[in-house]
Amino acid sequence: MNVANLYDRLNEQVRVSALLLALVRGDDLDMQRLNATAPQRSERRWHHHDRVQAVWNVSATAWVEQLTTLANLWHAQARLARVTDKTKADGESPDAVSDALAREVRLWRAFVNVCCWKLSQHQAAWRIVCERLGIAPEFLNEFGDCIALKLTEARLADNRATAETVRQELSEFGELAGEMATADSIAAGWLDLFTKLEA
């Protein structure tokens, strides 16, 4: 049986999943078929229009948040490198480094770890959102191909600090770590946005 013959029977969620998958594949013909067979509402829109728009906006939000965290990571790594170079220039041994300079190294190292933690949580949150909404994780690539983000994410498994390490580092600088971003909390925020946009 040809699946294309069933396109007029697809419910909204299945149609959106199929449409976004066709978009990722670059299959314009399949996208046209899915749109052409979709029931229309009285305002002459496809029944899945609001859901597609909501998915698109949530995906854009996830993309922007990841790029923002990546920019913060780069900034922290640059500051850490500068301070580390300064400590090497100030003395031959770690004992010769001032307390203020040593604290600054710890601060920027903590910032790097927080950014790596948050990026890893974004990855997991995106997988949760995709599973709940029935969309392909690759849909995020529709916003552009950020090689720097892909390379950074690929190295996160080896470089990411544990949640406990991040909490300890934050507490040293008087930050409360009880509300650390987790994949579940990030996904809940994105799914809540989706619900509001789809309504």
C-alpha atoms as a PDB file:
ATOM      1  CA  MET A   1       0.000   0.000   0.000  1.00  0.00           C
ATOM      2  CA  ASN A   2       1.300   3.457  -0.871  1.00  0.00           C
ATOM      3  CA  VAL A   3       1.610   5.622   2.259  1.00  0.00           C
ATOM      4  CA  ALA A   4       0.973   8.741   0.169  1.00  0.00           C
ATOM      5  CA  ASN A   5      -2.597   7.446  -0.328  1.00  0.00           C
ATOM      6  CA  LEU A   6      -3.151   7.809   3.427  1.00  0.00           C
ATOM      7  CA  TYR A   7      -1.997  11.429   3.678  1.00  0.00           C
ATOM      8  CA  ASP A   8      -5.590  12.699   3.853  1.00  0.00           C
ATOM      9  CA  ARG A   9      -6.124  10.585   7.019  1.00  0.00           C
ATOM     10  CA  LEU A  10      -3.125  11.831   9.014  1.00  0.00           C
ATOM     11  CA  ASN A  11      -3.866  13.618  12.267  1.00  0.00           C
ATOM     12  CA  GLU A  12      -2.257  16.959  12.999  1.00  0.00           C
ATOM     13  CA  GLN A  13       0.686  15.663  15.074  1.00  0.00           C
ATOM     14  CA  VAL A  14       1.646  12.932  12.601  1.00  0.00           C
ATOM     15  CA  ARG A  15       1.336  15.362   9.689  1.00  0.00           C
ATOM     16  CA  VAL A  16       3.595  17.906  11.434  1.00  0.00           C
ATOM     17  CA  SER A  17       6.189  15.212  12.161  1.00  0.00           C
ATOM     18  CA  ALA A  18       6.106  14.027   8.542  1.00  0.00           C
ATOM     19  CA  LEU A  19       6.206  17.595   7.222  1.00  0.00           C
ATOM     20  CA  LEU A  20       9.227  18.544   9.333  1.00  0.00           C
ATOM     21  CA  LEU A  21      11.010  15.334   8.387  1.00  0.00           C
ATOM     22  CA  ALA A  22      10.365  16.126   4.702  1.00  0.00           C
ATOM     23  CA  LEU A  23      11.753  19.622   5.318  1.00  0.00           C
ATOM     24  CA  VAL A  24      14.917  18.182   6.862  1.00  0.00           C
ATOM     25  CA  ARG A  25      15.275  15.799   3.883  1.00  0.00           C
ATOM     26  CA  GLY A  26      14.652  18.659   1.455  1.00  0.00           C
ATOM     27  CA  ASP A  27      11.757  16.719  -0.087  1.00  0.00           C
ATOM     28  CA  ASP A  28       9.639  19.532  -1.551  1.00  0.00           C
ATOM     29  CA  LEU A  29       7.285  17.128  -3.334  1.00  0.00           C
ATOM     30  CA  ASP A  30       6.412  15.323  -0.103  1.00  0.00           C
ATOM     31  CA  MET A  31       5.902  18.666   1.654  1.00  0.00           C
ATOM     32  CA  GLN A  32       3.512  19.761  -1.120  1.00  0.00           C
ATOM     33  CA  ARG A  33       1.592  16.468  -0.874  1.00  0.00           C
ATOM     34  CA  LEU A  34       1.310  16.739   2.904  1.00  0.00           C
ATOM     35  CA  ASN A  35       0.050  20.315   2.653  1.00  0.00           C
ATOM     36  CA  ALA A  36      -2.310  19.596  -0.256  1.00  0.00           C
ATOM     37  CA  THR A  37      -4.027  16.697   1.557  1.00  0.00           C
ATOM     38  CA  ALA A  38      -4.362  18.475   4.903  1.00  0.00           C
ATOM     39  CA  PRO A  39      -7.839  19.427   6.075  1.00  0.00           C
ATOM     40  CA  GLN A  40      -8.301  23.181   6.096  1.00  0.00           C
ATOM     41  CA  ARG A  41      -9.899  25.336   8.719  1.00  0.00           C
ATOM     42  CA  SER A  42     -12.481  27.950   7.915  1.00  0.00           C
ATOM     43  CA  GLU A  43      -9.804  30.646   7.720  1.00  0.00           C
ATOM     44  CA  ARG A  44      -8.279  28.630   4.891  1.00  0.00           C
ATOM     45  CA  ARG A  45      -5.208  27.470   6.756  1.00  0.00           C
ATOM     46  CA  TRP A  46      -3.922  23.946   7.032  1.00  0.00           C
ATOM     47  CA  HIS A  47      -5.012  22.331  10.273  1.00  0.00           C
ATOM     48  CA  HIS A  48      -1.372  21.876  11.319  1.00  0.00           C
ATOM     49  CA  HIS A  49      -0.380  25.516  10.686  1.00  0.00           C
ATOM     50  CA  ASP A  50      -0.408  26.589  14.353  1.00  0.00           C
ATOM     51  CA  ARG A  51       1.525  23.512  15.420  1.00  0.00           C
ATOM     52  CA  VAL A  52       4.189  24.041  12.752  1.00  0.00           C
ATOM     53  CA  GLN A  53       4.536  27.692  13.786  1.00  0.00           C
ATOM     54  CA  ALA A  54       4.818  26.694  17.453  1.00  0.00           C
ATOM     55  CA  VAL A  55       7.481  24.054  16.676  1.00  0.00           C
ATOM     56  CA  TRP A  56       9.363  26.582  14.548  1.00  0.00           C
ATOM     57  CA  ASN A  57       9.344  29.209  17.317  1.00  0.00           C
ATOM     58  CA  VAL A  58      10.374  26.755  20.039  1.00  0.00           C
ATOM     59  CA  SER A  59      13.187  25.494  17.805  1.00  0.00           C
ATOM     60  CA  ALA A  60      14.358  29.061  17.167  1.00  0.00           C
ATOM     61  CA  THR A  61      14.310  29.719  20.916  1.00  0.00           C
ATOM     62  CA  ALA A  62      16.372  26.573  21.580  1.00  0.00           C
ATOM     63  CA  TRP A  63      18.842  27.561  18.836  1.00  0.00           C
ATOM     64  CA  VAL A  64      19.288  31.106  20.170  1.00  0.00           C
ATOM     65  CA  GLU A  65      19.755  29.868  23.744  1.00  0.00           C
ATOM     66  CA  GLN A  66      22.422  27.395  22.612  1.00  0.00           C
ATOM     67  CA  LEU A  67      24.283  30.030  20.604  1.00  0.00           C
ATOM     68  CA  THR A  68      24.111  32.469  23.527  1.00  0.00           C
ATOM     69  CA  THR A  69      25.577  29.862  25.871  1.00  0.00           C
ATOM     70  CA  LEU A  70      28.257  29.065  23.288  1.00  0.00           C
ATOM     71  CA  ALA A  71      29.207  32.766  23.083  1.00  0.00           C
ATOM     72  CA  ASN A  72      29.394  32.912  26.887  1.00  0.00           C
ATOM     73  CA  LEU A  73      31.615  29.826  26.850  1.00  0.00           C
ATOM     74  CA  TRP A  74      33.995  31.390  24.322  1.00  0.00           C
ATOM     75  CA  HIS A  75      34.159  34.568  26.397  1.00  0.00           C
ATOM     76  CA  ALA A  76      34.903  32.608  29.571  1.00  0.00           C
ATOM     77  CA  GLN A  77      37.556  30.490  27.834  1.00  0.00           C
ATOM     78  CA  ALA A  78      39.260  33.609  26.479  1.00  0.00           C
ATOM     79  CA  ARG A  79      39.246  35.247  29.918  1.00  0.00           C
ATOM     80  CA  LEU A  80      40.532  32.052  31.531  1.00  0.00           C
ATOM     81  CA  ALA A  81      43.363  31.828  28.978  1.00  0.00           C
ATOM     82  CA  ARG A  82      44.292  35.486  29.568  1.00  0.00           C
ATOM     83  CA  VAL A  83      44.340  35.112  33.354  1.00  0.00           C
ATOM     84  CA  THR A  84      46.235  31.818  33.139  1.00  0.00           C
ATOM     85  CA  ASP A  85      48.871  33.477  30.939  1.00  0.00           C
ATOM     86  CA  LYS A  86      49.073  36.318  33.449  1.00  0.00           C
ATOM     87  CA  THR A  87      49.677  33.903  36.336  1.00  0.00           C
ATOM     88  CA  LYS A  88      52.531  32.308  34.382  1.00  0.00           C
ATOM     89  CA  ALA A  89      54.043  35.730  33.729  1.00  0.00           C
ATOM     90  CA  ASP A  90      53.744  36.786  37.384  1.00  0.00           C
ATOM     91  CA  GLY A  91      55.812  33.984  38.847  1.00  0.00           C
ATOM     92  CA  GLU A  92      57.609  30.762  38.335  1.00  0.00           C
ATOM     93  CA  SER A  93      55.624  28.735  40.881  1.00  0.00           C
ATOM     94  CA  PRO A  94      51.966  28.615  41.925  1.00  0.00           C
ATOM     95  CA  ASP A  95      53.045  30.030  45.324  1.00  0.00           C
ATOM     96  CA  ALA A  96      54.155  33.242  43.628  1.00  0.00           C
ATOM     97  CA  VAL A  97      50.668  33.902  42.212  1.00  0.00           C
ATOM     98  CA  SER A  98      48.605  36.389  44.199  1.00  0.00           C
ATOM     99  CA  ASP A  99      45.435  35.247  45.920  1.00  0.00           C
ATOM    100  CA  ALA A 100      43.392  37.634  43.772  1.00  0.00           C
ATOM    101  CA  LEU A 101      44.819  36.209  40.556  1.00  0.00           C
ATOM    102  CA  ALA A 102      44.314  32.619  41.715  1.00  0.00           C
ATOM    103  CA  ARG A 103      40.696  33.473  42.600  1.00  0.00           C
ATOM    104  CA  GLU A 104      40.171  34.960  39.145  1.00  0.00           C
ATOM    105  CA  VAL A 105      41.447  31.746  37.534  1.00  0.00           C
ATOM    106  CA  ARG A 106      38.967  29.745  39.639  1.00  0.00           C
ATOM    107  CA  LEU A 107      36.164  32.165  38.708  1.00  0.00           C
ATOM    108  CA  TRP A 108      36.685  31.831  34.956  1.00  0.00           C
ATOM    109  CA  ARG A 109      37.181  28.066  35.221  1.00  0.00           C
ATOM    110  CA  ALA A 110      33.835  27.899  37.058  1.00  0.00           C
ATOM    111  CA  PHE A 111      32.211  30.009  34.337  1.00  0.00           C
ATOM    112  CA  VAL A 112      33.572  27.635  31.663  1.00  0.00           C
ATOM    113  CA  ASN A 113      32.201  24.655  33.570  1.00  0.00           C
ATOM    114  CA  VAL A 114      28.778  26.285  33.995  1.00  0.00           C
ATOM    115  CA  CYS A 115      28.570  26.992  30.248  1.00  0.00           C
ATOM    116  CA  CYS A 116      29.619  23.434  29.362  1.00  0.00           C
ATOM    117  CA  TRP A 117      27.058  22.086  31.817  1.00  0.00           C
ATOM    118  CA  LYS A 118      24.311  24.253  30.324  1.00  0.00           C
ATOM    119  CA  LEU A 119      25.194  23.262  26.734  1.00  0.00           C
ATOM    120  CA  SER A 120      25.037  19.581  27.667  1.00  0.00           C
ATOM    121  CA  GLN A 121      21.661  20.146  29.322  1.00  0.00           C
ATOM    122  CA  HIS A 122      20.430  21.952  26.184  1.00  0.00           C
ATOM    123  CA  GLN A 123      21.356  18.885  24.108  1.00  0.00           C
ATOM    124  CA  ALA A 124      19.411  16.568  26.384  1.00  0.00           C
ATOM    125  CA  ALA A 125      16.477  19.014  26.634  1.00  0.00           C
ATOM    126  CA  TRP A 126      16.216  19.217  22.858  1.00  0.00           C
ATOM    127  CA  ARG A 127      16.024  15.411  22.649  1.00  0.00           C
ATOM    128  CA  ILE A 128      13.200  15.444  25.241  1.00  0.00           C
ATOM    129  CA  VAL A 129      11.284  18.103  23.292  1.00  0.00           C
ATOM    130  CA  CYS A 130      11.711  16.226  20.011  1.00  0.00           C
ATOM    131  CA  GLU A 131      10.467  13.006  21.565  1.00  0.00           C
ATOM    132  CA  ARG A 132       7.415  14.674  23.139  1.00  0.00           C
ATOM    133  CA  LEU A 133       6.474  16.621  20.010  1.00  0.00           C
ATOM    134  CA  GLY A 134       7.332  13.882  17.528  1.00  0.00           C
ATOM    135  CA  ILE A 135       9.845  15.894  15.531  1.00  0.00           C
ATOM    136  CA  ALA A 136      13.249  14.979  14.148  1.00  0.00           C
ATOM    137  CA  PRO A 137      16.149  16.355  16.265  1.00  0.00           C
ATOM    138  CA  GLU A 138      17.839  17.391  12.999  1.00  0.00           C
ATOM    139  CA  PHE A 139      15.128  20.021  12.519  1.00  0.00           C
ATOM    140  CA  LEU A 140      17.313  22.370  14.593  1.00  0.00           C
ATOM    141  CA  ASN A 141      19.781  22.387  11.664  1.00  0.00           C
ATOM    142  CA  GLU A 142      17.217  24.331   9.631  1.00  0.00           C
ATOM    143  CA  PHE A 143      18.397  27.469  11.449  1.00  0.00           C
ATOM    144  CA  GLY A 144      21.916  27.109  10.158  1.00  0.00           C
ATOM    145  CA  ASP A 145      24.942  24.931  10.470  1.00  0.00           C
ATOM    146  CA  CYS A 146      27.102  26.157  13.315  1.00  0.00           C
ATOM    147  CA  ILE A 147      30.299  24.123  13.097  1.00  0.00           C
ATOM    148  CA  ALA A 148      31.658  25.694  16.283  1.00  0.00           C
ATOM    149  CA  LEU A 149      28.588  24.530  18.212  1.00  0.00           C
ATOM    150  CA  LYS A 150      28.839  21.008  16.781  1.00  0.00           C
ATOM    151  CA  LEU A 151      32.543  20.752  17.639  1.00  0.00           C
ATOM    152  CA  THR A 152      31.947  22.074  21.148  1.00  0.00           C
ATOM    153  CA  GLU A 153      29.031  19.702  21.738  1.00  0.00           C
ATOM    154  CA  ALA A 154      31.094  16.766  20.463  1.00  0.00           C
ATOM    155  CA  ARG A 155      33.738  17.485  23.124  1.00  0.00           C
ATOM    156  CA  LEU A 156      31.284  18.042  25.983  1.00  0.00           C
ATOM    157  CA  ALA A 157      31.233  14.415  27.070  1.00  0.00           C
ATOM    158  CA  ASP A 158      34.985  14.589  27.775  1.00  0.00           C
ATOM    159  CA  ASN A 159      35.104  18.110  29.226  1.00  0.00           C
ATOM    160  CA  ARG A 160      31.857  18.562  31.134  1.00  0.00           C
ATOM    161  CA  ALA A 161      32.102  18.992  34.889  1.00  0.00           C
ATOM    162  CA  THR A 162      29.666  17.090  37.068  1.00  0.00           C
ATOM    163  CA  ALA A 163      26.675  18.847  38.579  1.00  0.00           C
ATOM    164  CA  GLU A 164      28.312  18.567  42.004  1.00  0.00           C
ATOM    165  CA  THR A 165      31.526  20.245  40.771  1.00  0.00           C
ATOM    166  CA  VAL A 166      29.534  23.091  39.247  1.00  0.00           C
ATOM    167  CA  ARG A 167      27.557  23.524  42.489  1.00  0.00           C
ATOM    168  CA  GLN A 168      30.769  23.666  44.544  1.00  0.00           C
ATOM    169  CA  GLU A 169      32.363  26.178  42.183  1.00  0.00           C
ATOM    170  CA  LEU A 170      29.291  28.402  42.242  1.00  0.00           C
ATOM    171  CA  SER A 171      29.037  28.282  46.028  1.00  0.00           C
ATOM    172  CA  GLU A 172      32.650  29.509  46.311  1.00  0.00           C
ATOM    173  CA  PHE A 173      31.543  32.713  44.611  1.00  0.00           C
ATOM    174  CA  GLY A 174      28.339  33.112  46.608  1.00  0.00           C
ATOM    175  CA  GLU A 175      26.008  31.845  43.900  1.00  0.00           C
ATOM    176  CA  LEU A 176      23.097  29.609  44.798  1.00  0.00           C
ATOM    177  CA  ALA A 177      23.257  26.464  42.718  1.00  0.00           C
ATOM    178  CA  GLY A 178      19.983  24.957  43.904  1.00  0.00           C
ATOM    179  CA  GLU A 179      18.254  26.165  40.758  1.00  0.00           C
ATOM    180  CA  MET A 180      20.817  24.852  38.283  1.00  0.00           C
ATOM    181  CA  ALA A 181      19.522  24.345  34.781  1.00  0.00           C
ATOM    182  CA  THR A 182      18.725  20.726  34.045  1.00  0.00           C
ATOM    183  CA  ALA A 183      17.571  19.068  30.851  1.00  0.00           C
ATOM    184  CA  ASP A 184      14.140  18.527  32.385  1.00  0.00           C
ATOM    185  CA  SER A 185      13.742  22.153  33.498  1.00  0.00           C
ATOM    186  CA  ILE A 186      14.917  23.522  30.137  1.00  0.00           C
ATOM    187  CA  ALA A 187      12.651  21.110  28.226  1.00  0.00           C
ATOM    188  CA  ALA A 188       9.714  22.030  30.484  1.00  0.00           C
ATOM    189  CA  GLY A 189      10.233  25.703  29.627  1.00  0.00           C
ATOM    190  CA  TRP A 190      10.385  25.006  25.888  1.00  0.00           C
ATOM    191  CA  LEU A 191       7.329  22.737  26.037  1.00  0.00           C
ATOM    192  CA  ASP A 192       5.414  25.362  28.006  1.00  0.00           C
ATOM    193  CA  LEU A 193       6.278  27.906  25.314  1.00  0.00           C
ATOM    194  CA  PHE A 194       5.066  25.433  22.686  1.00  0.00           C
ATOM    195  CA  THR A 195       1.746  24.991  24.486  1.00  0.00           C
ATOM    196  CA  LYS A 196       1.212  28.749  24.696  1.00  0.00           C
ATOM    197  CA  LEU A 197       2.111  29.293  21.044  1.00  0.00           C
ATOM    198  CA  GLU A 198      -0.053  26.476  19.764  1.00  0.00           C
ATOM    199  CA  ALA A 199      -3.160  27.638  21.655  1.00  0.00           C
END
